[in-house]
Every structure is written in structure tokens, then in C-alpha cells.
Amino acid sequence: MTDEQLDLGFEVEQTAWGKWVDPDRHAAQVQKFMEHTGLQQLPVQPWPEDSPEVKRLDPVIAELFPDMATAMAPENADIADAFICFMGECFIRYAGAEWIEFEWFGREHSFYDHVNPALRYDTDDEDEETAWGLMESIVTYHPGDHEGMFSYFAAALREYQGYHEEKRHQDAAL
């Protein structure tokens, strides 16, 4: 009998974190966000600054999440979760990030009850940022620095991709 065939005679209840981080759930939410925004697929590399998709998505994201109160509103929970899963997938794909379970400080600092997901970036100092913090940074981006929220997000992806590649080159040189 293999480990996969092991029957303990009872069902093991999945934790809140296990349910949230489930890859099938994430894939469905990423697809939902992409369909909602008209993205056909993720590009091979993060979107360049002058990409037509970035320009098209800047007003879409601004309309969806004009402020944190709107982003956190219960009626927007599903689309906010879809966007969070989408952002995570992009950071995982382009910058080697991974989802981690972060300490839950209460609902006012998490989009979720009882879990506080965070991305751990594959950088020299392994930066960590909660989903709430990531969304807040996008919603409150500085308009003088970027054309819009998706522009800011794409710039962050390119920046962290650079950090990730730099770390990989350093690790390979050891």
C-alpha cells in the first residue's frame, strides 16, 4: 500500500489555510479575473510599461478598486480574491514568489476570515508582503510615478523579477 492509498478510516478536515491556498481554487480565481478583465493569457514576461494591456487595464482596476473600502467591501470579496490570486500567480511565475501563511491580525488587515496570505519573494532578503498590503500598495499608488494601478503592478513585477534573476545568478556563482 502506498502513501497515496492509505485510508485512515476518517476524513481529515482541511484547514482554512489549506482551503485558501489550494492550487485548483487559485487557478479558478486567476481564470475568473482574466475573463473579467478580458486577458486572454499571461505574457511570457511581465507587461512592459507601454503595453496596450497595461493601458487598457489601468482604468479597469481603478474602477474595480477605487479605494480600500471598496476593495474590502463584502460585495466585492470574490473579485478582490480573484485579483489577489492573479497578482500572486504573476509574482510566482515571474519572480519566484510563493504564498505563505502569515500571522492573522484581524479582519481589518486581511481580505479573509482567519487567514492572512502573504507572498514571500525570492530575493536576497526574502521580502514578505501580505495580500492586504499588496492590494493597499496598488490602490494607493502614487499617480506621479505611474499611469495607473495596473501600471504600478506591472512595474513591481518587473522590479521583483529583476531581484529574483539577480539572486539566481548570485546563487549559481556560489
Protein backbone atom coordinates (compact mmCIF):
# COMPACT_ATOMS: atom_id res chain seq x y z
CA MET A 1 0.00 0.00 0.00
CA THR A 2 1.43 3.39 -0.98
CA ASP A 3 1.01 6.63 0.96
CA GLU A 4 -1.50 7.76 -1.65
CA GLN A 5 -3.63 4.69 -0.95
CA LEU A 6 -3.51 5.00 2.82
CA ASP A 7 -7.03 5.02 4.27
CA LEU A 8 -7.13 6.16 7.86
CA GLY A 9 -10.82 5.37 8.20
CA PHE A 10 -11.78 9.01 8.75
CA GLU A 11 -11.74 12.21 6.76
CA VAL A 12 -9.21 14.88 7.57
CA GLU A 13 -10.74 18.34 7.55
CA GLN A 14 -8.76 20.83 5.55
CA THR A 15 -7.57 23.91 7.43
CA ALA A 16 -8.67 27.42 6.46
CA TRP A 17 -5.17 27.98 5.09
CA GLY A 18 -5.27 24.72 3.13
CA LYS A 19 -8.57 25.73 1.58
CA TRP A 20 -7.32 29.21 0.70
CA VAL A 21 -4.00 28.10 -0.82
CA ASP A 22 -5.49 25.19 -2.80
CA PRO A 23 -3.95 25.33 -6.31
CA ASP A 24 -7.23 24.44 -8.04
CA ARG A 25 -9.04 27.26 -6.24
CA HIS A 26 -6.28 29.68 -7.18
CA ALA A 27 -6.30 28.61 -10.83
CA ALA A 28 -10.08 29.10 -10.99
CA GLN A 29 -9.82 32.56 -9.40
CA VAL A 30 -6.98 33.61 -11.72
CA GLN A 31 -9.07 32.49 -14.69
CA LYS A 32 -12.08 34.38 -13.33
CA PHE A 33 -10.08 37.60 -13.05
CA MET A 34 -8.63 37.19 -16.53
CA GLU A 35 -12.07 36.59 -18.04
CA HIS A 36 -13.49 39.58 -16.13
CA THR A 37 -10.77 41.87 -17.49
CA GLY A 38 -10.50 40.37 -20.97
CA LEU A 39 -6.98 38.99 -20.59
CA GLN A 40 -6.52 36.02 -22.90
CA GLN A 41 -3.33 34.73 -21.29
CA LEU A 42 -0.39 35.76 -19.18
CA PRO A 43 2.58 37.00 -21.19
CA VAL A 44 5.95 35.23 -21.21
CA GLN A 45 7.47 38.22 -19.37
CA PRO A 46 5.81 40.88 -17.19
CA TRP A 47 3.96 43.52 -19.17
CA PRO A 48 6.21 46.33 -20.44
CA GLU A 49 5.41 49.85 -19.30
CA ASP A 50 3.91 50.87 -22.65
CA SER A 51 1.97 47.64 -23.21
CA PRO A 52 -1.55 48.08 -24.65
CA GLU A 53 -2.84 45.66 -21.99
CA VAL A 54 -1.42 47.81 -19.18
CA LYS A 55 -3.02 50.93 -20.64
CA ARG A 56 -6.33 49.12 -21.06
CA LEU A 57 -6.28 47.62 -17.56
CA ASP A 58 -5.34 50.80 -15.65
CA PRO A 59 -8.92 52.18 -15.75
CA VAL A 60 -10.45 48.71 -15.26
CA ILE A 61 -8.58 48.16 -11.97
CA ALA A 62 -9.27 51.76 -10.88
CA GLU A 63 -12.99 51.19 -11.39
CA LEU A 64 -12.95 47.87 -9.54
CA PHE A 65 -10.92 49.14 -6.58
CA PRO A 66 -11.05 52.94 -6.29
CA ASP A 67 -10.15 52.70 -2.60
CA MET A 68 -9.51 50.12 0.11
CA ALA A 69 -13.06 50.39 1.49
CA THR A 70 -14.42 49.32 -1.90
CA ALA A 71 -11.79 46.59 -2.24
CA MET A 72 -12.69 45.26 1.24
CA ALA A 73 -16.47 45.52 0.79
CA PRO A 74 -18.24 42.15 1.18
CA GLU A 75 -19.95 42.52 -2.20
CA ASN A 76 -16.51 42.75 -3.83
CA ALA A 77 -14.94 39.83 -1.94
CA ASP A 78 -14.94 37.44 -4.90
CA ILE A 79 -13.40 39.83 -7.45
CA ALA A 80 -10.88 41.08 -4.85
CA ASP A 81 -9.91 37.46 -4.15
CA ALA A 82 -9.64 36.79 -7.89
CA PHE A 83 -7.34 39.82 -8.30
CA ILE A 84 -5.24 38.76 -5.30
CA CYS A 85 -4.87 35.24 -6.73
CA PHE A 86 -4.00 36.76 -10.12
CA MET A 87 -1.34 39.03 -8.62
CA GLY A 88 0.08 36.10 -6.68
CA GLU A 89 0.24 33.94 -9.79
CA CYS A 90 2.14 36.69 -11.60
CA PHE A 91 4.66 37.11 -8.77
CA ILE A 92 5.08 33.32 -8.56
CA ARG A 93 5.55 32.96 -12.31
CA TYR A 94 7.80 35.96 -12.95
CA ALA A 95 9.61 36.50 -9.66
CA GLY A 96 9.77 33.09 -7.97
CA ALA A 97 7.47 34.12 -5.10
CA GLU A 98 5.44 31.70 -3.01
CA TRP A 99 2.31 32.02 -0.88
CA ILE A 100 2.90 31.68 2.84
CA GLU A 101 0.58 31.74 5.81
CA PHE A 102 1.19 34.98 7.68
CA GLU A 103 0.05 35.88 11.19
CA TRP A 104 -3.61 36.92 11.16
CA PHE A 105 -4.02 40.33 12.82
CA GLY A 106 -7.78 40.58 12.37
CA ARG A 107 -10.20 41.17 9.55
CA GLU A 108 -9.32 44.86 9.25
CA HIS A 109 -5.89 43.85 7.87
CA SER A 110 -6.87 40.82 5.82
CA PHE A 111 -9.26 40.15 2.99
CA TYR A 112 -10.09 36.83 4.60
CA ASP A 113 -11.52 35.46 7.82
CA HIS A 114 -8.91 33.54 9.80
CA VAL A 115 -6.13 33.58 7.18
CA ASN A 116 -3.68 36.26 6.17
CA PRO A 117 -1.91 35.13 3.00
CA ALA A 118 1.40 36.72 2.11
CA LEU A 119 3.84 36.42 -0.73
CA ARG A 120 7.44 35.60 0.07
CA TYR A 121 9.55 36.97 -2.73
CA ASP A 122 12.63 35.12 -3.94
CA THR A 123 15.02 37.98 -3.18
CA ASP A 124 18.23 38.16 -1.16
CA ASP A 125 16.31 39.21 1.94
CA GLU A 126 13.14 37.16 1.16
CA ASP A 127 10.74 40.10 1.37
CA GLU A 128 7.24 39.22 2.53
CA GLU A 129 4.07 41.15 1.78
CA THR A 130 0.55 40.26 2.81
CA ALA A 131 -2.23 40.18 0.25
CA TRP A 132 -3.79 43.11 2.12
CA GLY A 133 -0.53 45.07 1.93
CA LEU A 134 -0.12 44.30 -1.76
CA MET A 135 -3.66 45.45 -2.53
CA GLU A 136 -3.19 48.58 -0.41
CA SER A 137 0.02 49.48 -2.24
CA ILE A 138 -1.75 49.15 -5.59
CA VAL A 139 -4.87 51.08 -4.54
CA THR A 140 -2.78 53.88 -3.02
CA TYR A 141 -0.06 54.02 -5.70
CA HIS A 142 1.43 57.46 -6.39
CA PRO A 143 -0.09 58.82 -9.63
CA GLY A 144 3.02 60.89 -10.30
CA ASP A 145 5.09 57.72 -10.58
CA HIS A 146 2.79 55.51 -12.66
CA GLU A 147 -0.06 55.91 -15.15
CA GLY A 148 -2.41 53.76 -13.10
CA MET A 149 -2.83 50.83 -10.72
CA PHE A 150 -2.03 48.14 -13.24
CA SER A 151 0.98 50.16 -14.43
CA TYR A 152 2.20 50.19 -10.83
CA PHE A 153 1.58 46.43 -10.50
CA ALA A 154 3.42 45.65 -13.76
CA ALA A 155 6.36 47.85 -12.67
CA ALA A 156 6.52 45.98 -9.34
CA LEU A 157 6.52 42.66 -11.23
CA ARG A 158 9.40 43.79 -13.43
CA GLU A 159 11.32 45.05 -10.39
CA TYR A 160 10.89 41.81 -8.43
CA GLN A 161 11.68 39.75 -11.49
CA GLY A 162 14.99 41.61 -11.65
CA TYR A 163 15.69 40.91 -7.97
CA HIS A 164 14.81 37.25 -8.49
CA GLU A 165 17.09 36.90 -11.53
CA GLU A 166 19.91 38.68 -9.69
CA LYS A 167 19.56 36.25 -6.77
CA ARG A 168 19.54 33.25 -9.12
CA HIS A 169 22.74 34.48 -10.81
CA GLN A 170 24.41 35.03 -7.43
CA ASP A 171 23.31 31.59 -6.21
CA ALA A 172 24.63 29.98 -9.41
CA ALA A 173 28.00 31.69 -8.94
CA LEU A 174 28.47 30.16 -5.47
